[in-house]
N, C-alpha and C. Protein backbone atom coordinates (compact mmCIF):
# COMPACT_ATOMS: atom_id res chain seq x y z
N MET A 1 31.57 43.40 1.79
CA MET A 1 33.53 42.67 2.46
C MET A 1 33.13 41.00 2.57
N MET A 2 33.32 40.33 1.42
CA MET A 2 33.69 38.54 0.84
C MET A 2 33.83 37.54 2.76
N GLN A 3 32.40 37.30 2.75
CA GLN A 3 32.40 36.44 4.21
C GLN A 3 33.20 34.81 3.57
N SER A 4 33.81 34.87 4.88
CA SER A 4 34.07 33.14 4.30
C SER A 4 33.68 31.85 5.00
N SER A 5 33.45 30.62 4.22
CA SER A 5 32.80 29.64 4.23
C SER A 5 32.93 28.33 6.14
N GLU A 6 34.24 29.30 6.12
CA GLU A 6 35.53 29.07 6.99
C GLU A 6 34.24 28.09 8.27
N GLY A 7 34.57 27.20 9.25
CA GLY A 7 33.85 27.10 10.12
C GLY A 7 32.45 26.56 9.78
N ALA A 8 31.91 26.76 8.70
CA ALA A 8 29.94 26.60 8.68
C ALA A 8 30.29 24.63 8.48
N GLY A 9 28.90 24.14 9.13
CA GLY A 9 29.07 22.80 9.62
C GLY A 9 29.08 22.35 8.10
N PRO A 10 28.89 21.39 8.04
CA PRO A 10 27.64 20.14 6.86
C PRO A 10 26.46 20.87 6.66
N ALA A 11 26.42 20.71 5.43
CA ALA A 11 25.00 20.70 4.54
C ALA A 11 23.94 19.12 5.42
N GLU A 12 22.90 19.59 6.15
CA GLU A 12 22.21 18.61 7.07
C GLU A 12 21.88 17.80 4.91
N PRO A 13 21.12 16.58 5.45
CA PRO A 13 21.09 15.50 5.14
C PRO A 13 20.03 15.83 4.57
N ALA A 14 18.81 15.89 2.83
CA ALA A 14 17.76 15.82 2.81
C ALA A 14 16.97 14.81 3.37
N ARG A 15 15.86 14.64 3.70
CA ARG A 15 15.07 14.01 4.63
C ARG A 15 13.96 13.22 3.39
N ALA A 16 12.94 12.39 3.85
CA ALA A 16 11.93 11.88 2.57
C ALA A 16 10.85 12.26 4.44
N VAL A 17 9.92 13.13 4.55
CA VAL A 17 8.83 13.58 5.29
C VAL A 17 7.95 12.68 5.18
N LEU A 18 6.65 11.97 5.79
CA LEU A 18 5.81 10.74 5.72
C LEU A 18 4.84 11.85 6.32
N LEU A 19 3.57 12.30 5.59
CA LEU A 19 3.14 12.88 6.32
C LEU A 19 1.45 12.05 5.75
N ALA A 20 0.48 10.97 6.96
CA ALA A 20 0.05 10.46 6.81
C ALA A 20 -1.76 11.67 7.46
N VAL A 21 -2.18 11.61 6.56
CA VAL A 21 -3.47 12.84 6.74
C VAL A 21 -4.97 12.43 6.38
N ALA A 22 -5.69 12.98 6.81
CA ALA A 22 -6.88 13.14 6.54
C ALA A 22 -8.27 13.75 6.21
N MET A 23 -8.70 13.88 5.65
CA MET A 23 -9.82 15.01 5.16
C MET A 23 -10.30 16.29 6.33
N ASP A 24 -9.54 16.34 6.75
CA ASP A 24 -10.52 16.99 8.54
C ASP A 24 -9.09 18.12 8.57
N GLU A 25 -9.20 19.24 9.79
CA GLU A 25 -9.14 20.64 10.62
C GLU A 25 -7.57 19.92 10.87
N ALA A 26 -7.90 18.99 11.46
CA ALA A 26 -6.47 18.28 12.38
C ALA A 26 -5.34 18.15 11.96
N SER A 27 -5.64 17.04 10.13
CA SER A 27 -4.48 17.22 9.66
C SER A 27 -4.09 18.06 8.87
N LEU A 28 -4.54 18.91 8.83
CA LEU A 28 -4.29 20.45 8.64
C LEU A 28 -3.68 21.35 9.20
N ALA A 29 -3.68 21.09 10.26
CA ALA A 29 -2.44 21.66 11.25
C ALA A 29 -1.14 21.15 11.80
N ALA A 30 -1.28 19.79 11.47
CA ALA A 30 -0.45 18.76 11.24
C ALA A 30 0.80 18.94 10.28
N VAL A 31 0.10 19.63 8.46
CA VAL A 31 0.53 19.53 7.49
C VAL A 31 1.40 21.01 7.46
N ASN A 32 0.33 22.04 8.35
CA ASN A 32 1.01 23.25 8.25
C ASN A 32 2.44 23.40 9.49
N TYR A 33 2.67 22.50 9.95
CA TYR A 33 2.80 23.07 11.04
C TYR A 33 4.10 21.75 10.37
N ALA A 34 4.28 20.60 10.16
CA ALA A 34 5.19 20.74 8.82
C ALA A 34 5.73 21.47 7.50
N ILE A 35 5.25 22.25 7.45
CA ILE A 35 5.34 22.66 6.58
C ILE A 35 5.91 24.18 6.49
N HIS A 36 5.79 25.29 7.97
CA HIS A 36 6.26 26.09 8.43
C HIS A 36 7.02 25.51 9.89
N GLU A 37 7.12 24.30 10.63
CA GLU A 37 8.29 24.05 11.66
C GLU A 37 9.63 23.14 11.12
N LEU A 38 9.64 22.16 10.02
CA LEU A 38 9.58 21.18 9.85
C LEU A 38 10.89 20.63 8.13
N TYR A 39 10.25 21.95 7.04
CA TYR A 39 10.68 21.64 6.06
C TYR A 39 12.14 22.15 6.40
N ARG A 40 13.16 21.59 6.06
CA ARG A 40 14.73 22.53 5.70
C ARG A 40 14.77 22.39 4.11
N LYS A 41 15.70 23.62 3.57
CA LYS A 41 15.64 22.80 2.09
C LYS A 41 16.90 21.10 1.76
N GLY A 42 15.97 21.13 0.02
CA GLY A 42 16.01 19.05 -0.11
C GLY A 42 15.41 18.22 0.42
N ASP A 43 14.43 18.51 1.81
CA ASP A 43 13.29 17.49 2.09
C ASP A 43 12.38 17.39 0.48
N GLN A 44 11.60 16.08 1.74
CA GLN A 44 10.63 15.76 0.08
C GLN A 44 8.96 15.58 0.99
N PHE A 45 8.25 15.84 0.15
CA PHE A 45 6.39 15.30 1.37
C PHE A 45 6.60 14.80 1.09
N HIS A 46 6.27 13.54 1.54
CA HIS A 46 5.01 12.35 1.31
C HIS A 46 3.96 12.43 1.50
N LEU A 47 2.46 12.42 1.41
CA LEU A 47 1.17 12.35 1.91
C LEU A 47 1.03 11.41 1.57
N VAL A 48 0.21 10.71 2.19
CA VAL A 48 -0.13 9.50 2.04
C VAL A 48 -1.86 9.56 2.73
N HIS A 49 -3.12 9.13 2.55
CA HIS A 49 -4.43 9.07 2.35
C HIS A 49 -4.71 8.13 2.05
N VAL A 50 -5.59 7.28 3.22
CA VAL A 50 -6.73 6.09 2.86
C VAL A 50 -7.92 6.60 3.04
N ALA A 51 -8.53 6.37 1.94
CA ALA A 51 -9.73 7.36 1.19
C ALA A 51 -10.95 5.51 1.09
N ARG A 52 -11.94 6.27 2.45
CA ARG A 52 -12.44 4.73 2.40
C ARG A 52 -13.90 4.77 1.43
N ILE A 53 -13.88 4.15 1.18
CA ILE A 53 -15.31 4.40 -0.15
C ILE A 53 -16.19 2.61 -0.14
N LEU A 54 -16.93 3.02 0.17
CA LEU A 54 -18.52 2.00 0.55
C LEU A 54 -19.55 2.01 -0.07
N SER A 55 -19.67 0.01 -0.56
CA SER A 55 -20.30 0.60 -1.26
C SER A 55 -21.82 0.92 -0.37
N PRO A 56 -22.77 1.61 -0.83
CA PRO A 56 -24.72 2.31 -0.57
C PRO A 56 -24.67 0.70 0.46
N SER A 57 -25.90 0.34 1.46
CA SER A 57 -26.19 -0.70 2.00
C SER A 57 -27.54 -0.76 3.13
N ILE A 58 -28.39 -1.75 2.85
CA ILE A 58 -29.41 -1.50 4.01
C ILE A 58 -29.07 -1.96 5.28
N THR A 59 -29.03 -1.77 6.86
CA THR A 59 -29.19 -2.04 8.00
C THR A 59 -30.73 -2.44 8.14
N ILE A 60 -31.00 -3.91 8.45
CA ILE A 60 -31.84 -5.30 8.51
C ILE A 60 -32.10 -5.08 9.67
N HIS A 61 -32.93 -4.87 10.65
CA HIS A 61 -33.16 -5.38 12.19
C HIS A 61 -33.94 -6.81 12.21
N HIS A 62 -33.98 -8.04 13.25
CA HIS A 62 -34.37 -8.41 13.09
C HIS A 62 -35.21 -9.14 13.99
N GLN A 63 -36.38 -8.95 14.45
CA GLN A 63 -36.95 -9.46 15.66
C GLN A 63 -36.49 -10.15 16.54
N TYR A 64 -35.04 -10.73 16.43
CA TYR A 64 -34.11 -11.21 17.85
C TYR A 64 -32.97 -10.64 17.79
N HIS A 65 -33.23 -9.40 17.68
CA HIS A 65 -32.19 -8.54 17.95
C HIS A 65 -31.07 -8.73 16.96
N ALA A 66 -30.98 -8.82 16.09
CA ALA A 66 -29.68 -9.58 15.22
C ALA A 66 -29.95 -8.75 13.97
N THR A 67 -28.31 -7.83 13.33
CA THR A 67 -28.12 -6.91 12.49
C THR A 67 -27.76 -7.08 11.24
N TYR A 68 -28.41 -6.77 10.26
CA TYR A 68 -28.08 -7.63 9.25
C TYR A 68 -27.32 -6.46 8.57
N ASN A 69 -26.38 -5.65 7.15
CA ASN A 69 -26.34 -4.86 6.53
C ASN A 69 -26.37 -5.79 4.96
N VAL A 70 -26.95 -5.62 4.58
CA VAL A 70 -26.58 -6.01 3.14
C VAL A 70 -26.41 -4.74 2.25
N PRO A 71 -25.96 -5.32 0.52
CA PRO A 71 -25.65 -4.49 -1.00
C PRO A 71 -26.57 -3.78 -0.68
N GLU A 72 -27.46 -2.86 -0.91
CA GLU A 72 -28.55 -1.81 -1.49
C GLU A 72 -28.39 -1.94 -2.72
N LEU A 73 -29.01 -2.58 -4.01
CA LEU A 73 -29.89 -2.64 -4.93
C LEU A 73 -29.25 -1.26 -5.75
N GLY A 74 -28.67 -1.57 -7.06
CA GLY A 74 -28.72 0.37 -7.92
C GLY A 74 -26.85 0.07 -8.44
N PRO A 75 -27.35 1.63 -8.95
CA PRO A 75 -25.29 1.76 -9.46
C PRO A 75 -24.42 1.29 -8.12
N GLY A 76 -23.75 1.24 -8.35
CA GLY A 76 -22.89 1.21 -6.92
C GLY A 76 -21.59 2.97 -7.49
N ILE A 77 -20.76 2.86 -6.67
CA ILE A 77 -20.26 4.87 -6.48
C ILE A 77 -19.84 4.09 -7.51
N ASP A 78 -18.96 5.56 -8.76
CA ASP A 78 -18.54 5.70 -9.35
C ASP A 78 -17.20 6.25 -8.84
N GLN A 79 -15.80 4.96 -8.83
CA GLN A 79 -14.75 5.38 -8.14
C GLN A 79 -14.44 6.22 -9.07
N ARG A 80 -13.83 6.21 -10.56
CA ARG A 80 -13.27 7.78 -10.88
C ARG A 80 -13.46 8.70 -10.28
N ALA A 81 -14.41 9.03 -10.93
CA ALA A 81 -15.40 10.40 -9.76
C ALA A 81 -14.99 10.92 -8.72
N PHE A 82 -15.24 9.78 -7.86
CA PHE A 82 -14.83 10.02 -6.06
C PHE A 82 -13.35 10.41 -6.36
N LEU A 83 -12.18 10.00 -7.23
CA LEU A 83 -10.83 9.79 -6.99
C LEU A 83 -10.32 11.22 -7.46
N GLU A 84 -11.61 11.46 -8.57
CA GLU A 84 -11.09 13.06 -9.42
C GLU A 84 -11.17 14.04 -8.44
N ARG A 85 -12.42 13.29 -7.73
CA ARG A 85 -13.44 15.11 -6.87
C ARG A 85 -11.74 15.10 -5.37
N LEU A 86 -11.65 13.58 -5.23
CA LEU A 86 -10.54 13.43 -4.04
C LEU A 86 -9.74 14.99 -4.17
N LYS A 87 -8.87 14.54 -4.95
CA LYS A 87 -7.88 14.79 -5.72
C LYS A 87 -7.43 16.02 -5.78
N GLU A 88 -8.92 16.88 -6.85
CA GLU A 88 -8.42 18.70 -6.54
C GLU A 88 -9.41 18.75 -4.71
N GLU A 89 -9.55 18.16 -3.95
CA GLU A 89 -9.75 18.69 -2.68
C GLU A 89 -8.21 17.94 -1.85
N ILE A 90 -7.50 17.40 -2.16
CA ILE A 90 -6.19 17.46 -2.02
C ILE A 90 -5.81 18.44 -2.18
N LYS A 91 -5.27 18.53 -3.57
CA LYS A 91 -4.79 19.84 -3.90
C LYS A 91 -5.35 21.37 -3.13
N ASP A 92 -6.78 21.08 -3.32
CA ASP A 92 -6.69 22.44 -2.57
C ASP A 92 -6.52 23.01 -0.77
N LYS A 93 -6.88 21.22 -0.22
CA LYS A 93 -6.69 21.69 0.90
C LYS A 93 -4.90 21.99 1.73
N PHE A 94 -4.80 21.02 0.97
CA PHE A 94 -3.01 20.33 1.19
C PHE A 94 -1.91 21.07 0.81
N THR A 95 -2.10 20.64 -1.02
CA THR A 95 -0.08 20.91 -2.26
C THR A 95 -1.01 21.65 -2.40
N ASN A 96 -1.58 22.78 -2.32
CA ASN A 96 -1.51 24.24 -2.78
C ASN A 96 0.04 24.82 -2.48
N PRO A 97 -0.63 25.14 -1.03
CA PRO A 97 0.25 25.95 0.39
C PRO A 97 1.81 25.05 0.16
N MET A 98 2.80 24.06 -0.48
CA MET A 98 3.21 23.40 -0.64
C MET A 98 4.02 23.85 -2.02
N ASP A 99 2.96 24.24 -2.53
CA ASP A 99 3.50 24.84 -4.55
C ASP A 99 4.08 25.72 -4.18
N ALA A 100 3.41 26.68 -3.49
CA ALA A 100 3.53 27.99 -2.91
C ALA A 100 4.76 28.55 -2.76
N LEU A 101 5.43 27.20 -1.91
CA LEU A 101 6.77 28.49 -1.22
C LEU A 101 8.07 26.63 -2.33
N GLY A 102 7.24 26.22 -2.61
CA GLY A 102 8.22 24.99 -3.09
C GLY A 102 8.67 24.04 -3.19
N ILE A 103 7.19 22.92 -2.31
CA ILE A 103 8.13 22.37 -1.29
C ILE A 103 8.13 21.28 -2.17
N PRO A 104 8.60 20.59 -2.71
CA PRO A 104 8.44 18.98 -3.31
C PRO A 104 7.32 17.54 -2.75
N HIS A 105 6.23 17.02 -3.17
CA HIS A 105 5.69 16.75 -2.65
C HIS A 105 5.56 15.51 -3.27
N ASN A 106 5.20 14.64 -3.08
CA ASN A 106 4.54 12.77 -3.92
C ASN A 106 3.10 12.74 -2.91
N LEU A 107 1.72 12.62 -3.72
CA LEU A 107 0.79 11.68 -2.53
C LEU A 107 0.91 9.86 -3.15
N HIS A 108 0.47 9.94 -2.11
CA HIS A 108 0.19 7.86 -2.34
C HIS A 108 -1.31 8.22 -1.45
N LEU A 109 -1.79 7.55 -2.80
CA LEU A 109 -3.22 7.59 -2.50
C LEU A 109 -3.80 6.17 -2.37
N PHE A 110 -4.90 5.96 -1.47
CA PHE A 110 -5.08 3.71 -1.10
C PHE A 110 -6.90 4.08 -0.90
N LEU A 111 -7.13 3.61 -1.79
CA LEU A 111 -9.11 2.96 -0.80
C LEU A 111 -9.38 1.85 -0.35
N ASP A 112 -9.66 1.92 0.96
CA ASP A 112 -11.07 1.32 1.72
C ASP A 112 -11.95 0.64 1.43
N THR A 113 -11.99 -0.24 0.73
CA THR A 113 -13.10 -0.77 0.14
C THR A 113 -13.59 -1.76 1.56
N ASP A 114 -13.11 -1.98 2.47
CA ASP A 114 -13.92 -2.59 3.31
C ASP A 114 -13.85 -2.51 5.08
N ASN A 115 -13.90 -1.11 4.94
CA ASN A 115 -13.82 -0.33 6.65
C ASN A 115 -12.67 -1.45 7.37
N ALA A 116 -11.09 -0.92 6.64
CA ALA A 116 -10.25 -1.82 7.41
C ALA A 116 -9.90 -0.32 8.92
N PRO A 117 -9.70 -1.63 9.74
CA PRO A 117 -9.47 -1.11 11.12
C PRO A 117 -7.86 -0.29 11.37
N ALA A 118 -7.68 0.30 11.54
CA ALA A 118 -6.80 1.56 12.06
C ALA A 118 -5.67 0.79 11.98
N SER A 119 -4.90 -1.03 12.44
CA SER A 119 -4.46 -1.17 12.38
C SER A 119 -3.96 -1.61 11.00
N ALA A 120 -4.86 -1.95 10.22
CA ALA A 120 -3.63 -1.75 8.43
C ALA A 120 -4.10 -0.90 8.10
N VAL A 121 -4.43 0.82 8.09
CA VAL A 121 -4.36 1.48 7.68
C VAL A 121 -3.03 2.06 8.14
N CYS A 122 -2.60 1.56 9.23
CA CYS A 122 -1.00 1.91 9.85
C CYS A 122 -0.63 1.06 9.20
N GLU A 123 -0.39 -0.36 8.80
CA GLU A 123 0.66 -0.92 8.01
C GLU A 123 0.52 -0.03 6.91
N THR A 124 -0.43 -0.14 5.91
CA THR A 124 0.01 1.04 4.71
C THR A 124 0.99 2.57 4.56
N VAL A 125 0.02 3.34 6.35
CA VAL A 125 1.11 4.00 5.89
C VAL A 125 2.48 3.47 6.59
N PHE A 126 3.05 1.54 7.40
CA PHE A 126 4.61 1.76 7.46
C PHE A 126 5.35 1.21 6.52
N LYS A 127 4.72 0.69 5.12
CA LYS A 127 5.35 0.13 4.04
C LYS A 127 5.52 1.46 3.85
N VAL A 128 4.62 2.47 3.10
CA VAL A 128 4.64 3.81 2.19
C VAL A 128 6.27 4.32 2.49
N ALA A 129 6.75 4.13 4.57
CA ALA A 129 7.21 4.45 5.35
C ALA A 129 8.28 3.87 4.80
N ASP A 130 9.04 3.05 4.07
CA ASP A 130 9.84 1.99 4.49
C ASP A 130 10.46 2.43 2.80
N GLN A 131 9.37 2.07 1.51
CA GLN A 131 8.97 2.55 0.60
C GLN A 131 10.25 3.84 0.69
N VAL A 132 10.17 5.04 1.08
CA VAL A 132 10.63 5.71 0.89
C VAL A 132 12.08 6.55 1.97
N ASP A 133 11.97 5.17 2.95
CA ASP A 133 13.66 5.41 3.95
C ASP A 133 12.89 6.76 4.77
N ALA A 134 11.48 7.48 4.91
CA ALA A 134 11.20 8.28 5.81
C ALA A 134 11.53 8.16 6.96
N ALA A 135 12.11 10.02 6.84
CA ALA A 135 12.67 10.10 8.24
C ALA A 135 11.67 10.19 10.03
N MET A 136 10.73 10.38 9.24
CA MET A 136 10.29 10.35 10.20
C MET A 136 8.39 10.86 10.47
N VAL A 137 6.74 10.10 10.84
CA VAL A 137 5.91 9.86 10.41
C VAL A 137 5.22 10.65 10.89
N VAL A 138 4.73 12.15 10.47
CA VAL A 138 3.83 12.92 10.88
C VAL A 138 2.43 12.93 10.85
N LEU A 139 1.05 12.97 12.10
CA LEU A 139 0.29 12.78 12.07
C LEU A 139 -0.50 14.19 12.98
N ALA A 140 -1.53 13.54 13.03
CA ALA A 140 -2.58 14.82 13.94
C ALA A 140 -2.91 13.77 15.13
N ALA A 141 -3.17 14.23 16.77
CA ALA A 141 -3.72 12.89 17.16
C ALA A 141 -4.93 13.02 17.32
N HIS A 142 -5.91 14.02 16.76
CA HIS A 142 -7.14 13.86 16.56
C HIS A 142 -8.49 14.51 17.57
N GLY A 143 -9.17 14.47 17.93
CA GLY A 143 -9.96 15.77 19.16
C GLY A 143 -10.57 13.81 20.09
N LYS A 144 -11.03 14.87 21.01
CA LYS A 144 -11.30 13.52 22.14
C LYS A 144 -12.44 12.70 21.95
N GLY A 145 -13.48 12.87 20.75
CA GLY A 145 -14.37 12.35 20.65
C GLY A 145 -13.97 10.75 19.64
N GLU A 146 -12.56 10.40 19.20
CA GLU A 146 -12.10 10.14 18.71
C GLU A 146 -11.82 8.20 19.20
N GLU A 147 -12.11 7.62 18.22
CA GLU A 147 -11.93 6.11 18.47
C GLU A 147 -10.66 6.40 19.16
N GLY A 148 -10.29 5.99 20.52
CA GLY A 148 -8.55 5.86 20.04
C GLY A 148 -8.49 5.71 21.76
N SER A 149 -7.11 6.02 21.97
CA SER A 149 -7.37 6.11 24.01
C SER A 149 -5.80 7.51 24.37
N ARG A 150 -6.32 7.85 25.95
CA ARG A 150 -5.42 8.98 26.02
C ARG A 150 -4.13 8.43 26.68
N ASP A 151 -3.75 8.90 26.42
CA ASP A 151 -1.49 9.06 26.96
C ASP A 151 -2.24 9.48 28.25
N PRO A 152 -1.50 9.41 29.36
CA PRO A 152 -1.37 9.44 30.68
C PRO A 152 -0.72 10.81 31.12
N LEU A 153 0.22 10.11 30.12
CA LEU A 153 1.22 10.94 31.10
C LEU A 153 1.21 12.50 29.94
N LEU A 154 1.09 12.74 29.29
CA LEU A 154 0.37 14.08 27.79
C LEU A 154 -1.15 14.67 28.87
N GLY A 155 -1.33 13.51 28.84
CA GLY A 155 -3.00 14.14 28.82
C GLY A 155 -3.69 14.34 27.67
N LEU A 156 -2.83 13.18 26.81
CA LEU A 156 -3.36 13.94 24.80
C LEU A 156 -4.19 12.71 24.13
N TYR A 157 -5.37 13.29 23.71
CA TYR A 157 -6.01 12.25 23.81
C TYR A 157 -5.92 11.70 21.67
N LEU A 158 -5.22 10.43 21.54
CA LEU A 158 -5.32 9.90 20.01
C LEU A 158 -5.98 9.75 19.61
N GLY A 159 -6.24 9.34 18.45
CA GLY A 159 -7.31 8.89 17.27
C GLY A 159 -6.98 7.49 17.31
N SER A 160 -7.50 6.85 16.58
CA SER A 160 -7.14 5.56 16.60
C SER A 160 -6.26 5.47 15.48
N VAL A 161 -6.04 5.31 14.89
CA VAL A 161 -4.99 5.40 13.69
C VAL A 161 -3.43 6.36 14.84
N ALA A 162 -3.30 7.63 15.05
CA ALA A 162 -2.35 8.02 15.56
C ALA A 162 -1.98 6.92 17.44
N ASP A 163 -3.18 6.40 17.87
CA ASP A 163 -2.23 5.64 18.90
C ASP A 163 -1.31 3.92 18.29
N PHE A 164 -1.89 3.73 17.44
CA PHE A 164 -1.49 2.16 16.48
C PHE A 164 -0.06 2.96 16.04
N ALA A 165 0.19 3.98 15.40
CA ALA A 165 1.57 3.82 15.07
C ALA A 165 2.61 4.79 16.17
N THR A 166 2.24 4.98 17.44
CA THR A 166 3.01 5.87 17.93
C THR A 166 3.56 3.69 19.02
N ARG A 167 2.51 3.05 19.00
CA ARG A 167 2.56 2.88 19.50
C ARG A 167 3.70 0.34 18.62
N ASN A 168 3.71 1.10 17.35
CA ASN A 168 3.87 0.20 16.85
C ASN A 168 4.92 0.37 15.32
N SER A 169 5.28 1.71 15.43
CA SER A 169 5.88 2.43 13.81
C SER A 169 7.52 1.87 14.54
N ALA A 170 8.58 1.40 13.52
CA ALA A 170 9.64 1.73 13.66
C ALA A 170 10.23 2.54 14.10
N ARG A 171 9.70 3.84 13.17
CA ARG A 171 10.25 4.87 12.73
C ARG A 171 9.82 5.64 13.01
N PRO A 172 10.09 7.18 14.23
CA PRO A 172 9.83 7.98 14.89
C PRO A 172 8.29 8.63 14.04
N VAL A 173 7.47 9.11 15.15
CA VAL A 173 6.37 9.63 14.82
C VAL A 173 5.93 10.65 15.63
N LEU A 174 5.31 11.93 14.75
CA LEU A 174 5.85 13.17 15.50
C LEU A 174 4.16 13.54 15.31
N VAL A 175 2.99 13.19 16.44
CA VAL A 175 1.84 13.73 16.24
C VAL A 175 1.72 15.73 16.54
N VAL A 176 0.96 15.59 16.18
CA VAL A 176 1.17 17.28 16.76
C VAL A 176 -0.65 17.19 16.69
N ARG A 177 -0.88 17.63 18.12
CA ARG A 177 -2.03 18.24 18.77
C ARG A 177 -2.63 19.57 18.02
N SER A 178 -2.01 20.39 17.92
CA SER A 178 -2.60 21.61 17.24
C SER A 178 -1.70 22.35 16.97
N TYR A 179 -2.18 23.52 15.74
CA TYR A 179 -1.05 24.19 15.30
C TYR A 179 -1.43 25.25 14.33
N ALA A 180 -1.34 26.56 14.64
CA ALA A 180 -2.12 27.40 13.85
C ALA A 180 -0.99 28.53 13.59
N ALA A 181 -0.98 28.16 11.81
CA ALA A 181 0.44 28.91 10.57
C ALA A 181 0.12 30.12 10.88
N PRO A 182 1.35 30.34 10.67
CA PRO A 182 1.52 31.88 10.79
C PRO A 182 1.32 33.41 10.28
N LEU A 183 1.05 34.35 10.55
CA LEU A 183 0.38 35.57 9.87
C LEU A 183 1.44 35.76 8.42
N VAL A 184 0.89 36.22 7.56
CA VAL A 184 1.50 36.58 6.48
C VAL A 184 2.49 37.01 6.32
N MET A 185 2.41 38.60 7.26
CA MET A 185 3.49 39.29 7.84
C MET A 185 4.28 38.91 9.20
N HIS A 186 4.28 37.50 9.29
CA HIS A 186 5.70 37.23 10.53
C HIS A 186 5.87 36.39 9.58
N VAL A 187 7.34 35.77 9.89
CA VAL A 187 8.37 35.42 9.17
C VAL A 187 8.75 34.29 8.69
N SER A 188 8.17 32.87 8.38
CA SER A 188 8.39 30.95 9.18
C SER A 188 9.85 30.84 8.68
N ARG A 189 9.86 30.11 8.79
CA ARG A 189 11.12 29.43 8.84
C ARG A 189 10.81 28.51 7.25
N SER A 190 10.43 28.43 7.13
CA SER A 190 10.29 28.67 5.15
C SER A 190 9.97 29.36 4.82
N ALA A 191 9.10 30.96 4.66
CA ALA A 191 8.98 31.68 4.11
C ALA A 191 10.30 32.79 4.05
N ALA A 192 11.01 32.25 5.32
CA ALA A 192 12.54 33.05 5.07
C ALA A 192 13.32 32.21 4.53
N ARG A 193 13.12 30.94 4.24
CA ARG A 193 14.58 30.07 3.59
C ARG A 193 13.84 30.43 1.49
N LEU A 194 12.98 30.85 1.66
CA LEU A 194 12.45 31.86 -0.21
C LEU A 194 12.62 32.19 0.14
N ALA A 195 12.71 33.46 1.07
CA ALA A 195 13.01 35.21 0.14
C ALA A 195 14.95 34.60 0.04
N GLN A 196 15.23 33.75 1.08
CA GLN A 196 17.03 33.87 0.98
C GLN A 196 17.00 33.09 -0.51
N GLY A 197 15.54 32.29 -0.81
CA GLY A 197 16.30 31.56 -2.80
C GLY A 197 17.34 30.30 -2.25
N GLN A 198 16.33 29.01 -1.58
CA GLN A 198 17.37 27.99 -0.19
C GLN A 198 16.21 27.41 -1.14
N VAL A 199 14.73 27.47 -1.10
CA VAL A 199 13.60 26.87 -1.19
C VAL A 199 13.64 25.92 -2.25
N PRO A 200 13.87 25.12 -2.95
CA PRO A 200 14.22 24.86 -4.63
C PRO A 200 12.89 24.73 -4.92
N GLY A 201 13.34 25.09 -6.25
CA GLY A 201 12.10 25.49 -7.60
C GLY A 201 10.22 24.66 -7.28
N SER A 202 8.96 24.96 -7.46
CA SER A 202 7.97 23.77 -7.88
C SER A 202 7.85 23.13 -8.01
N ALA A 203 8.46 21.89 -7.69
CA ALA A 203 7.96 20.36 -8.49
C ALA A 203 6.08 19.97 -8.25
N GLY A 204 6.24 20.04 -7.26
CA GLY A 204 5.03 19.68 -6.68
C GLY A 204 4.74 18.52 -6.61
N GLY A 205 3.14 18.62 -7.31
CA GLY A 205 2.80 16.96 -7.56
C GLY A 205 3.67 16.91 -8.87
N SER A 206 3.59 17.87 -9.80
CA SER A 206 3.98 17.41 -11.54
C SER A 206 5.18 16.10 -11.36
N GLU A 207 5.97 16.28 -10.15
CA GLU A 207 6.61 14.97 -10.19
C GLU A 207 6.80 14.25 -11.13
N PRO A 208 7.56 13.43 -11.44
CA PRO A 208 8.04 12.99 -12.05
C PRO A 208 7.28 10.99 -11.66
N GLY A 209 7.50 10.92 -9.94
CA GLY A 209 7.53 9.56 -9.23
C GLY A 209 5.78 10.04 -8.49
N SER A 210 5.15 11.58 -8.93
CA SER A 210 3.93 10.72 -8.04
C SER A 210 2.81 9.95 -8.28
N ARG A 211 2.08 9.89 -7.50
CA ARG A 211 1.21 8.89 -7.46
C ARG A 211 -0.09 9.18 -9.11
N SER A 212 -0.20 7.89 -9.76
CA SER A 212 -1.16 8.34 -10.10
C SER A 212 -3.10 7.91 -9.93
N LEU A 213 -3.95 9.01 -9.36
CA LEU A 213 -4.72 9.07 -9.10
C LEU A 213 -5.72 7.89 -9.22
N SER A 214 -5.89 7.14 -10.31
CA SER A 214 -6.46 6.09 -11.09
C SER A 214 -6.50 5.45 -11.08
N ASN A 215 -4.97 5.58 -10.55
CA ASN A 215 -4.65 3.49 -10.87
C ASN A 215 -4.12 3.46 -8.40
N ALA A 216 -4.92 3.70 -7.96
CA ALA A 216 -4.31 3.91 -6.60
C ALA A 216 -5.08 2.41 -6.28
N PRO A 217 -3.88 1.82 -5.59
CA PRO A 217 -4.31 0.66 -4.65
C PRO A 217 -5.62 0.56 -4.14
N SER A 218 -6.39 -0.49 -3.83
CA SER A 218 -7.96 -0.48 -2.96
C SER A 218 -6.66 -1.32 -1.52
N LEU A 219 -7.56 -1.07 -0.26
CA LEU A 219 -7.06 -1.59 0.48
C LEU A 219 -7.87 -3.84 1.13
N GLY A 220 -9.03 -3.00 1.12
CA GLY A 220 -10.34 -4.32 0.83
C GLY A 220 -10.64 -5.25 -0.72
N GLY A 221 -11.87 -4.80 -1.01
CA GLY A 221 -11.75 -5.47 -2.20
C GLY A 221 -11.64 -4.58 -2.85
N PRO A 222 -12.46 -4.94 -4.29
CA PRO A 222 -11.49 -4.44 -5.90
C PRO A 222 -11.63 -3.10 -5.74
N ALA A 223 -10.93 -2.46 -6.65
CA ALA A 223 -10.93 -0.82 -5.98
C ALA A 223 -12.01 -0.52 -7.93
């Protein structure tokens, strides 16, 4: 029997969703939450990662209780090799599951060569959010041991980046404390869309708009 489409509401507009990630399990939980609970047809995920790459240094302790960090003599860090390794790690950890579900995604990678504070990291995230007109920013809360603060209402410990983002972002911020991805036998919202053929084809990181890792800009000194 043919079903009538009368009464069906208008299609929800596609969104740009920004995922600010670190290379840890807390960020993996936040990404999994976005994949299984937030994604809807037409959405585009934008992963933002600020990679800290500092030159080796030697700490000198002066007899008058002064401490100095001086650059260590020798060859510097091969940034190109570092970025290539990081690219594979991000692919294995975050974007392969998106490719499997056909979720479009772009990677925005930045280098921190000057030990930038959380405020500088967040300003970079905010700038990308403005560029892609993100509907929301998703990030992990991180653990109690991380530098940051405790939300007095939720009892939630926020890492320094999450803390700054929630206090200063002009866009909605979703902080994920923990999340366990559904088992394969459990039909999540993303899997249901895939089964119904509603998820767009796998464009993944091969989209024309994807950033080139070898050309990643630097937050601190020269890349």
